[in-house]
Amino acid sequence: MSESEAHLDELQGRIQTALDRIGDAVAGIDSAKAAAPQVDPAALMALQQALESEKLANAQLEERLRTLKARQEDAANQTDRALADQRAAMVQLDQDLQRLRMANDQLRDSNRALREANETGVGEPDLINSAMQAELDALRAARSVDRSEADAIVTALVPLVANGASGGDH
């Protein structure tokens, strides 16, 4: 045998070894496929449908959450506006009360001066009567303002108490 024939025999042996290894690898792949669990197409379809259902439910829940957040923001804005309105009404009521109290004080002082003038014999009875009537009217108005103040307070407290009773635990 010549050197080229020996070299050719060596190459054939290497090729045969490589082919044997490739064959063993293919056989291993075939046995792995046979050993791998088979996927049931119906079960796979059911899982895909369940996944789609969950995605849809998740999207619906996200939309509901956005809607609830929007409602909550609207309710908070309405509450803020109502509170601002109540504060403004209370400020106005307080100003009215201060003016009425000052008017009552002036009426009392005026009546006192008229009574003193009448005691000295200078006063007119009609003037005294009209001053007394004005004082009575002012006192009635003061009572009316006091009642309005109490009503405003009750009106302000009713929604707060209702909200506290219905939503205080949340």
Protein backbone atom coordinates (compact mmCIF):
# COMPACT_ATOMS: atom_id res chain seq x y z
CA MET A 1 0.00 0.00 0.00
CA SER A 2 1.21 3.29 -0.85
CA GLU A 3 1.15 6.33 1.24
CA SER A 4 -1.78 7.85 -0.68
CA GLU A 5 -3.82 4.68 -0.24
CA ALA A 6 -3.12 4.73 3.47
CA HIS A 7 -4.13 8.34 3.59
CA LEU A 8 -7.33 7.50 1.67
CA ASP A 9 -8.16 4.67 4.09
CA GLU A 10 -7.65 7.01 7.04
CA LEU A 11 -9.97 9.60 5.52
CA GLN A 12 -12.63 6.94 4.84
CA GLY A 13 -12.38 5.83 8.46
CA ARG A 14 -12.83 9.38 9.68
CA ILE A 15 -15.81 9.90 7.40
CA GLN A 16 -17.34 6.63 8.61
CA THR A 17 -16.83 7.69 12.26
CA ALA A 18 -18.46 11.06 11.56
CA LEU A 19 -21.41 9.35 9.81
CA ASP A 20 -21.81 7.01 12.77
CA ARG A 21 -21.88 9.92 15.17
CA ILE A 22 -24.46 11.75 13.01
CA GLY A 23 -26.58 8.61 12.93
CA ASP A 24 -26.38 8.28 16.71
CA ALA A 25 -27.39 11.93 17.09
CA VAL A 26 -30.38 11.49 14.76
CA ALA A 27 -31.43 8.39 16.67
CA GLY A 28 -31.17 10.38 19.92
CA ILE A 29 -33.36 13.13 18.50
CA ASP A 30 -35.95 10.59 17.34
CA SER A 31 -35.98 8.91 20.76
CA ALA A 32 -36.28 12.33 22.48
CA LYS A 33 -39.26 13.16 20.26
CA ALA A 34 -40.85 9.85 21.14
CA ALA A 35 -40.21 10.42 24.85
CA ALA A 36 -41.47 14.04 24.83
CA PRO A 37 -45.08 14.44 25.97
CA GLN A 38 -47.52 14.93 23.16
CA VAL A 39 -49.57 18.14 23.31
CA ASP A 40 -53.29 17.61 22.94
CA PRO A 41 -54.51 20.16 20.36
CA ALA A 42 -57.89 20.43 22.13
CA ALA A 43 -56.19 21.15 25.46
CA LEU A 44 -53.93 23.70 23.79
CA MET A 45 -56.97 25.40 22.22
CA ALA A 46 -58.76 25.43 25.59
CA LEU A 47 -55.71 27.02 27.24
CA GLN A 48 -55.51 29.65 24.51
CA GLN A 49 -59.20 30.44 24.93
CA ALA A 50 -58.77 30.69 28.71
CA LEU A 51 -55.84 33.06 28.18
CA GLU A 52 -57.93 35.23 25.86
CA SER A 53 -60.78 35.24 28.39
CA GLU A 54 -58.40 36.37 31.13
CA LYS A 55 -56.99 39.10 28.89
CA LEU A 56 -60.54 40.32 28.18
CA ALA A 57 -61.46 40.21 31.88
CA ASN A 58 -58.28 42.13 32.72
CA ALA A 59 -59.08 44.79 30.11
CA GLN A 60 -62.62 45.10 31.50
CA LEU A 61 -61.30 45.46 35.05
CA GLU A 62 -58.84 48.13 33.95
CA GLU A 63 -61.67 50.05 32.25
CA ARG A 64 -63.84 49.76 35.36
CA LEU A 65 -60.92 51.01 37.44
CA ARG A 66 -60.51 54.04 35.14
CA THR A 67 -64.25 54.72 35.41
CA LEU A 68 -64.19 54.46 39.21
CA LYS A 69 -61.19 56.78 39.42
CA ALA A 70 -62.97 59.32 37.22
CA ARG A 71 -66.09 59.11 39.40
CA GLN A 72 -64.00 59.50 42.52
CA GLU A 73 -62.31 62.59 41.10
CA ASP A 74 -65.71 64.05 40.12
CA ALA A 75 -67.08 63.37 43.59
CA ALA A 76 -64.02 64.96 45.19
CA ASN A 77 -64.39 68.02 42.96
CA GLN A 78 -68.10 68.32 43.81
CA THR A 79 -67.31 67.98 47.50
CA ASP A 80 -64.64 70.67 47.23
CA ARG A 81 -67.09 73.00 45.45
CA ALA A 82 -69.83 72.31 48.01
CA LEU A 83 -67.39 72.96 50.85
CA ALA A 84 -66.28 76.22 49.26
CA ASP A 85 -69.92 77.25 48.80
CA GLN A 86 -70.68 76.42 52.44
CA ARG A 87 -67.67 78.39 53.62
CA ALA A 88 -68.76 81.39 51.53
CA ALA A 89 -72.29 81.14 52.94
CA MET A 90 -70.94 81.00 56.47
CA VAL A 91 -68.73 84.05 55.86
CA GLN A 92 -71.72 85.95 54.47
CA LEU A 93 -73.90 84.88 57.38
CA ASP A 94 -71.22 85.98 59.83
CA GLN A 95 -70.98 89.39 58.16
CA ASP A 96 -74.76 89.78 58.26
CA LEU A 97 -74.79 88.85 61.92
CA GLN A 98 -72.11 91.40 62.73
CA ARG A 99 -74.07 94.15 60.93
CA LEU A 100 -77.29 93.16 62.70
CA ARG A 101 -75.64 93.13 66.10
CA MET A 102 -74.18 96.59 65.47
CA ALA A 103 -77.62 97.86 64.40
CA ASN A 104 -79.17 96.41 67.54
CA ASP A 105 -76.54 98.07 69.68
CA GLN A 106 -77.24 101.41 67.99
CA LEU A 107 -80.98 100.96 68.47
CA ARG A 108 -80.55 100.20 72.14
CA ASP A 109 -78.36 103.27 72.57
CA SER A 110 -80.88 105.39 70.68
CA ASN A 111 -83.78 104.10 72.79
CA ARG A 112 -81.84 104.70 75.97
CA ALA A 113 -81.20 108.29 74.87
CA LEU A 114 -84.88 108.76 74.01
CA ARG A 115 -85.99 107.40 77.36
CA GLU A 116 -83.60 109.75 79.14
CA ALA A 117 -84.87 112.67 77.07
CA ASN A 118 -88.46 111.69 77.89
CA GLU A 119 -87.67 111.53 81.60
CA THR A 120 -86.44 115.10 81.48
CA GLY A 121 -89.68 116.06 79.79
CA VAL A 122 -88.23 116.88 76.37
CA GLY A 123 -89.13 113.69 74.45
CA GLU A 124 -92.11 112.95 72.27
CA PRO A 125 -94.08 109.79 73.01
CA ASP A 126 -94.53 109.01 69.28
CA LEU A 127 -90.76 109.14 68.76
CA ILE A 128 -90.23 106.82 71.68
CA ASN A 129 -92.86 104.40 70.38
CA SER A 130 -91.34 104.31 66.89
CA ALA A 131 -87.87 103.75 68.36
CA MET A 132 -89.20 100.92 70.54
CA GLN A 133 -90.89 99.36 67.50
CA ALA A 134 -87.62 99.58 65.56
CA GLU A 135 -85.84 97.87 68.42
CA LEU A 136 -88.43 95.09 68.52
CA ASP A 137 -88.09 94.63 64.75
CA ALA A 138 -84.33 94.47 65.07
CA LEU A 139 -84.59 91.88 67.83
CA ARG A 140 -86.94 89.78 65.68
CA ALA A 141 -84.49 90.08 62.80
CA ALA A 142 -81.67 89.02 65.09
CA ARG A 143 -83.64 85.96 66.13
CA SER A 144 -84.31 85.23 62.48
CA VAL A 145 -80.61 85.51 61.65
CA ASP A 146 -79.77 83.26 64.58
CA ARG A 147 -82.25 80.71 63.27
CA SER A 148 -80.77 81.03 59.77
CA GLU A 149 -77.33 80.47 61.23
CA ALA A 150 -78.50 77.33 63.02
CA ASP A 151 -80.17 76.11 59.81
CA ALA A 152 -76.96 76.74 57.84
CA ILE A 153 -74.97 74.76 60.37
CA VAL A 154 -77.45 71.88 60.28
CA THR A 155 -77.46 71.97 56.49
CA ALA A 156 -73.66 71.81 56.47
CA LEU A 157 -73.57 68.95 58.96
CA VAL A 158 -76.23 66.71 57.37
CA PRO A 159 -74.11 65.66 54.34
CA LEU A 160 -71.04 65.21 56.51
CA VAL A 161 -72.91 62.97 58.93
CA ALA A 162 -74.49 61.03 56.04
CA ASN A 163 -71.09 60.55 54.37
CA GLY A 164 -69.56 59.53 57.68
CA ALA A 165 -72.27 56.94 58.27
CA SER A 166 -72.17 55.48 54.77
CA GLY A 167 -68.50 55.76 53.84
CA GLY A 168 -66.63 56.14 57.08
CA ASP A 169 -65.51 52.49 57.16
CA HIS A 170 -63.87 52.60 53.74
